[in-house]
Amino acid sequence: MSKRVSYEIKKGILNAVREKGATYAQLERKLNTGYRTVKSNCEELAQFDLVDIEYSKEHPENGRPFHLITITEKGLEALAKKKK
């Protein structure tokens, strides 16, 4: 199995959070990749204002702190351009 390039992972993150936000753990499972990979790619996407990363002290399901990743308008535009 070949290693995926970061472009594919970033595209997967944008597609995964297109409808509603996701946590790092949810993205790990959806993309079948590690926490550090997801976190570093999300941080890079945030630098380009394609996603927002919001920290919350308590998850409603388990009470633990988490980061919620949501797509921005700029991120939606970038996805629309790639589909054409």
Protein backbone atom coordinates (compact mmCIF):
# COMPACT_ATOMS: atom_id res chain seq x y z
CA MET A 1 0.00 0.00 0.00
CA SER A 2 1.44 3.35 -0.97
CA LYS A 3 1.61 6.35 1.28
CA ARG A 4 -1.03 9.02 0.64
CA VAL A 5 0.13 12.51 -0.20
CA SER A 6 -0.91 15.32 2.11
CA TYR A 7 -3.08 16.84 -0.64
CA GLU A 8 -5.35 13.76 -0.51
CA ILE A 9 -5.58 14.00 3.28
CA LYS A 10 -6.41 17.71 3.17
CA LYS A 11 -9.07 17.10 0.52
CA GLY A 12 -10.50 14.32 2.69
CA ILE A 13 -10.63 16.65 5.70
CA LEU A 14 -12.46 19.33 3.71
CA ASN A 15 -14.96 16.78 2.38
CA ALA A 16 -15.49 15.29 5.85
CA VAL A 17 -16.31 18.63 7.49
CA ARG A 18 -18.31 20.01 4.56
CA GLU A 19 -21.75 19.16 6.02
CA LYS A 20 -20.99 19.50 9.74
CA GLY A 21 -17.95 19.85 11.94
CA ALA A 22 -15.85 16.98 13.20
CA THR A 23 -13.32 16.39 15.96
CA TYR A 24 -9.76 15.19 15.41
CA ALA A 25 -10.80 11.71 16.59
CA GLN A 26 -13.72 11.56 14.15
CA LEU A 27 -11.46 12.65 11.30
CA GLU A 28 -8.91 9.99 12.27
CA ARG A 29 -11.54 7.29 11.85
CA LYS A 30 -13.05 8.73 8.65
CA LEU A 31 -9.69 9.16 6.94
CA ASN A 32 -8.04 6.07 8.44
CA THR A 33 -4.94 8.00 9.50
CA GLY A 34 -3.20 9.05 12.72
CA TYR A 35 -3.92 11.88 15.14
CA ARG A 36 -0.72 13.81 14.38
CA THR A 37 -1.37 13.65 10.66
CA VAL A 38 -4.93 14.92 11.07
CA LYS A 39 -3.90 17.64 13.51
CA SER A 40 -1.00 18.97 11.42
CA ASN A 41 -3.06 18.99 8.21
CA CYS A 42 -5.97 20.75 9.96
CA GLU A 43 -3.59 23.35 11.36
CA GLU A 44 -2.16 23.94 7.88
CA LEU A 45 -5.67 24.31 6.42
CA ALA A 46 -6.47 26.79 9.21
CA GLN A 47 -3.41 28.87 8.25
CA PHE A 48 -4.94 29.29 4.79
CA ASP A 49 -8.37 30.07 6.31
CA LEU A 50 -9.98 26.96 4.80
CA VAL A 51 -11.11 25.56 8.17
CA ASP A 52 -11.73 26.87 11.68
CA ILE A 53 -10.45 25.02 14.73
CA GLU A 54 -12.48 25.68 17.85
CA TYR A 55 -11.37 24.42 21.27
CA SER A 56 -14.02 23.35 23.77
CA LYS A 57 -13.41 22.24 27.33
CA GLU A 58 -16.18 19.64 27.50
CA HIS A 59 -17.52 17.26 24.87
CA PRO A 60 -21.28 16.70 25.31
CA GLU A 61 -20.92 12.91 25.01
CA ASN A 62 -17.90 12.16 27.20
CA GLY A 63 -17.07 15.39 29.06
CA ARG A 64 -13.50 15.58 27.73
CA PRO A 65 -11.86 18.56 25.99
CA PHE A 66 -11.89 18.52 22.19
CA HIS A 67 -11.22 20.53 19.04
CA LEU A 68 -14.05 21.02 16.54
CA ILE A 69 -13.03 21.47 12.91
CA THR A 70 -15.47 23.34 10.65
CA ILE A 71 -15.13 24.47 7.05
CA THR A 72 -15.09 28.17 6.13
CA GLU A 73 -16.63 29.88 3.11
CA LYS A 74 -13.19 29.99 1.53
CA GLY A 75 -12.89 26.23 2.08
CA LEU A 76 -16.26 25.60 0.41
CA GLU A 77 -15.16 27.70 -2.56
CA ALA A 78 -11.92 25.72 -2.83
CA LEU A 79 -13.86 22.43 -2.86
CA ALA A 80 -16.23 23.75 -5.53
CA LYS A 81 -13.29 24.77 -7.75
CA LYS A 82 -11.69 21.32 -7.48
CA LYS A 83 -14.91 19.56 -8.53
CA LYS A 84 -15.14 21.47 -11.81
